[in-house]
Amino acid sequence: MGYSARRGFTNGKVSGAARQAEMQQKIQQMQEQMTAAQEAVEAQIFTASVGGGVVEAKVSGKKEVQSITIKPEAVDPEDVEMLQDLVVSAVNEALRQADEAMEKGMSGVTGGLNLGAFGL
């Protein structure tokens, strides 16, 4: 084991500063991968249909409703409430699919680590 005023005591092992720099580089790579995964999911369109296909909702990975399609047979002036429920159900299912895809994309990058405490 040797001593250097600049490096302190060394015994051939990586210094704390080198380990920290390596960790920062790994974190930056992970952030870049997470951004790429997020952008890939946000570019997708998620489709859900309910009521035997009479109502269909499409949302983007950014959780923006892109379109709602309602077949004429779903429109019953006597039962508007059911149509409203079908629309809500289709939108919620499409949003759930988008959330699931985002979680899957992020866990692929993080290896399942919960990085919420780090603001990631």
C-alpha atoms as a PDB file:
ATOM      1  CA  MET A   1       0.000   0.000   0.000  1.00  0.00           C
ATOM      2  CA  GLY A   2       1.384   3.371  -0.992  1.00  0.00           C
ATOM      3  CA  TYR A   3       0.542   6.944  -0.124  1.00  0.00           C
ATOM      4  CA  SER A   4       0.192   9.894  -2.431  1.00  0.00           C
ATOM      5  CA  ALA A   5      -0.760  13.398  -1.344  1.00  0.00           C
ATOM      6  CA  ARG A   6      -2.985  13.594  -4.405  1.00  0.00           C
ATOM      7  CA  ARG A   7      -4.589  10.125  -4.200  1.00  0.00           C
ATOM      8  CA  GLY A   8      -4.276   9.236  -0.528  1.00  0.00           C
ATOM      9  CA  PHE A   9      -3.580   5.640   0.451  1.00  0.00           C
ATOM     10  CA  THR A  10      -3.818   3.231  -2.462  1.00  0.00           C
ATOM     11  CA  ASN A  11      -3.422  -0.486  -2.768  1.00  0.00           C
ATOM     12  CA  GLY A  12      -4.294  -0.893  -6.411  1.00  0.00           C
ATOM     13  CA  LYS A  13      -8.033  -0.542  -5.826  1.00  0.00           C
ATOM     14  CA  VAL A  14     -10.288   1.970  -7.543  1.00  0.00           C
ATOM     15  CA  SER A  15     -10.585   5.216  -5.608  1.00  0.00           C
ATOM     16  CA  GLY A  16     -13.857   6.572  -4.257  1.00  0.00           C
ATOM     17  CA  ALA A  17     -13.832   9.390  -6.816  1.00  0.00           C
ATOM     18  CA  ALA A  18     -13.386   6.909  -9.664  1.00  0.00           C
ATOM     19  CA  ARG A  19     -16.246   4.770  -8.345  1.00  0.00           C
ATOM     20  CA  GLN A  20     -18.433   7.858  -8.066  1.00  0.00           C
ATOM     21  CA  ALA A  21     -17.600   8.938 -11.625  1.00  0.00           C
ATOM     22  CA  GLU A  22     -18.373   5.431 -12.872  1.00  0.00           C
ATOM     23  CA  MET A  23     -21.687   5.428 -11.003  1.00  0.00           C
ATOM     24  CA  GLN A  24     -22.613   8.830 -12.427  1.00  0.00           C
ATOM     25  CA  GLN A  25     -21.866   7.547 -15.926  1.00  0.00           C
ATOM     26  CA  LYS A  26     -24.086   4.498 -15.344  1.00  0.00           C
ATOM     27  CA  ILE A  27     -26.883   6.713 -14.028  1.00  0.00           C
ATOM     28  CA  GLN A  28     -26.608   8.963 -17.078  1.00  0.00           C
ATOM     29  CA  GLN A  29     -26.781   5.928 -19.382  1.00  0.00           C
ATOM     30  CA  MET A  30     -29.836   4.666 -17.499  1.00  0.00           C
ATOM     31  CA  GLN A  31     -31.509   8.075 -17.810  1.00  0.00           C
ATOM     32  CA  GLU A  32     -30.850   8.074 -21.561  1.00  0.00           C
ATOM     33  CA  GLN A  33     -32.299   4.564 -21.863  1.00  0.00           C
ATOM     34  CA  MET A  34     -35.331   5.570 -19.804  1.00  0.00           C
ATOM     35  CA  THR A  35     -35.906   8.608 -22.025  1.00  0.00           C
ATOM     36  CA  ALA A  36     -35.673   6.436 -25.141  1.00  0.00           C
ATOM     37  CA  ALA A  37     -38.092   3.873 -23.665  1.00  0.00           C
ATOM     38  CA  GLN A  38     -40.517   6.634 -22.660  1.00  0.00           C
ATOM     39  CA  GLU A  39     -40.404   8.193 -26.123  1.00  0.00           C
ATOM     40  CA  ALA A  40     -41.028   4.792 -27.722  1.00  0.00           C
ATOM     41  CA  VAL A  41     -44.136   4.231 -25.600  1.00  0.00           C
ATOM     42  CA  GLU A  42     -45.381   7.790 -26.130  1.00  0.00           C
ATOM     43  CA  ALA A  43     -45.218   7.258 -29.906  1.00  0.00           C
ATOM     44  CA  GLN A  44     -47.564   4.259 -29.695  1.00  0.00           C
ATOM     45  CA  ILE A  45     -51.345   4.236 -30.009  1.00  0.00           C
ATOM     46  CA  PHE A  46     -53.325   1.973 -27.670  1.00  0.00           C
ATOM     47  CA  THR A  47     -56.760   0.750 -28.704  1.00  0.00           C
ATOM     48  CA  ALA A  48     -59.491  -0.733 -26.558  1.00  0.00           C
ATOM     49  CA  SER A  49     -62.970  -1.772 -27.574  1.00  0.00           C
ATOM     50  CA  VAL A  50     -65.872  -2.655 -25.318  1.00  0.00           C
ATOM     51  CA  GLY A  51     -69.461  -3.761 -25.646  1.00  0.00           C
ATOM     52  CA  GLY A  52     -68.609  -6.354 -28.238  1.00  0.00           C
ATOM     53  CA  GLY A  53     -66.731  -3.789 -30.308  1.00  0.00           C
ATOM     54  CA  VAL A  54     -69.456  -1.144 -30.498  1.00  0.00           C
ATOM     55  CA  VAL A  55     -67.277   1.460 -28.752  1.00  0.00           C
ATOM     56  CA  GLU A  56     -63.582   1.853 -29.445  1.00  0.00           C
ATOM     57  CA  ALA A  57     -61.125   4.291 -27.886  1.00  0.00           C
ATOM     58  CA  LYS A  58     -57.622   5.107 -29.061  1.00  0.00           C
ATOM     59  CA  VAL A  59     -55.134   6.873 -26.808  1.00  0.00           C
ATOM     60  CA  SER A  60     -51.501   7.763 -27.285  1.00  0.00           C
ATOM     61  CA  GLY A  61     -48.707   6.749 -24.975  1.00  0.00           C
ATOM     62  CA  LYS A  62     -48.830  10.354 -23.801  1.00  0.00           C
ATOM     63  CA  LYS A  63     -52.310   9.530 -22.442  1.00  0.00           C
ATOM     64  CA  GLU A  64     -54.102  11.746 -24.923  1.00  0.00           C
ATOM     65  CA  VAL A  65     -57.364  10.509 -26.411  1.00  0.00           C
ATOM     66  CA  GLN A  66     -56.858  10.236 -30.168  1.00  0.00           C
ATOM     67  CA  SER A  67     -60.295   9.033 -31.215  1.00  0.00           C
ATOM     68  CA  ILE A  68     -63.552   7.506 -30.074  1.00  0.00           C
ATOM     69  CA  THR A  69     -65.510   5.320 -32.498  1.00  0.00           C
ATOM     70  CA  ILE A  70     -69.147   4.480 -31.766  1.00  0.00           C
ATOM     71  CA  LYS A  71     -71.060   2.110 -33.991  1.00  0.00           C
ATOM     72  CA  PRO A  72     -74.660   3.141 -34.736  1.00  0.00           C
ATOM     73  CA  GLU A  73     -76.088   0.118 -32.943  1.00  0.00           C
ATOM     74  CA  ALA A  74     -74.588   1.448 -29.683  1.00  0.00           C
ATOM     75  CA  VAL A  75     -76.706   4.591 -29.878  1.00  0.00           C
ATOM     76  CA  ASP A  76     -79.980   4.108 -28.066  1.00  0.00           C
ATOM     77  CA  PRO A  77     -81.717   7.399 -27.228  1.00  0.00           C
ATOM     78  CA  GLU A  78     -83.513   5.569 -24.424  1.00  0.00           C
ATOM     79  CA  ASP A  79     -80.230   4.442 -22.801  1.00  0.00           C
ATOM     80  CA  VAL A  80     -77.632   7.199 -23.174  1.00  0.00           C
ATOM     81  CA  GLU A  81     -76.166   6.270 -19.809  1.00  0.00           C
ATOM     82  CA  MET A  82     -75.038   2.882 -21.104  1.00  0.00           C
ATOM     83  CA  LEU A  83     -73.270   4.520 -24.053  1.00  0.00           C
ATOM     84  CA  GLN A  84     -71.525   6.917 -21.678  1.00  0.00           C
ATOM     85  CA  ASP A  85     -70.396   3.984 -19.536  1.00  0.00           C
ATOM     86  CA  LEU A  86     -69.068   2.170 -22.606  1.00  0.00           C
ATOM     87  CA  VAL A  87     -67.057   5.238 -23.674  1.00  0.00           C
ATOM     88  CA  VAL A  88     -65.585   5.668 -20.199  1.00  0.00           C
ATOM     89  CA  SER A  89     -64.763   1.971 -20.024  1.00  0.00           C
ATOM     90  CA  ALA A  90     -63.029   1.964 -23.425  1.00  0.00           C
ATOM     91  CA  VAL A  91     -60.978   5.072 -22.611  1.00  0.00           C
ATOM     92  CA  ASN A  92     -59.950   3.703 -19.214  1.00  0.00           C
ATOM     93  CA  GLU A  93     -58.886   0.383 -20.729  1.00  0.00           C
ATOM     94  CA  ALA A  94     -56.799   2.093 -23.409  1.00  0.00           C
ATOM     95  CA  LEU A  95     -55.168   4.287 -20.743  1.00  0.00           C
ATOM     96  CA  ARG A  96     -54.462   1.192 -18.647  1.00  0.00           C
ATOM     97  CA  GLN A  97     -52.735  -0.384 -21.646  1.00  0.00           C
ATOM     98  CA  ALA A  98     -50.616   2.754 -22.089  1.00  0.00           C
ATOM     99  CA  ASP A  99     -49.660   2.720 -18.382  1.00  0.00           C
ATOM    100  CA  GLU A 100     -48.783  -0.955 -18.545  1.00  0.00           C
ATOM    101  CA  ALA A 101     -46.580  -0.413 -21.601  1.00  0.00           C
ATOM    102  CA  MET A 102     -44.794   2.485 -19.878  1.00  0.00           C
ATOM    103  CA  GLU A 103     -44.183   0.429 -16.734  1.00  0.00           C
ATOM    104  CA  LYS A 104     -42.907  -2.476 -18.806  1.00  0.00           C
ATOM    105  CA  GLY A 105     -40.599  -0.173 -20.773  1.00  0.00           C
ATOM    106  CA  MET A 106     -39.205   1.420 -17.631  1.00  0.00           C
ATOM    107  CA  SER A 107     -38.718  -1.861 -15.768  1.00  0.00           C
ATOM    108  CA  GLY A 108     -36.778  -3.162 -18.757  1.00  0.00           C
ATOM    109  CA  VAL A 109     -34.331  -0.287 -18.317  1.00  0.00           C
ATOM    110  CA  THR A 110     -34.153  -0.271 -14.515  1.00  0.00           C
ATOM    111  CA  GLY A 111     -34.268  -4.011 -14.028  1.00  0.00           C
ATOM    112  CA  GLY A 112     -37.306  -3.618 -11.793  1.00  0.00           C
ATOM    113  CA  LEU A 113     -35.646  -1.173  -9.385  1.00  0.00           C
ATOM    114  CA  ASN A 114     -37.954   1.364  -7.775  1.00  0.00           C
ATOM    115  CA  LEU A 115     -36.251   4.665  -8.562  1.00  0.00           C
ATOM    116  CA  GLY A 116     -39.086   6.866  -7.341  1.00  0.00           C
ATOM    117  CA  ALA A 117     -37.074   7.971  -4.320  1.00  0.00           C
ATOM    118  CA  PHE A 118     -34.465   9.378  -6.703  1.00  0.00           C
ATOM    119  CA  GLY A 119     -37.014  11.320  -8.739  1.00  0.00           C
ATOM    120  CA  LEU A 120     -36.518   9.060 -11.770  1.00  0.00           C
END
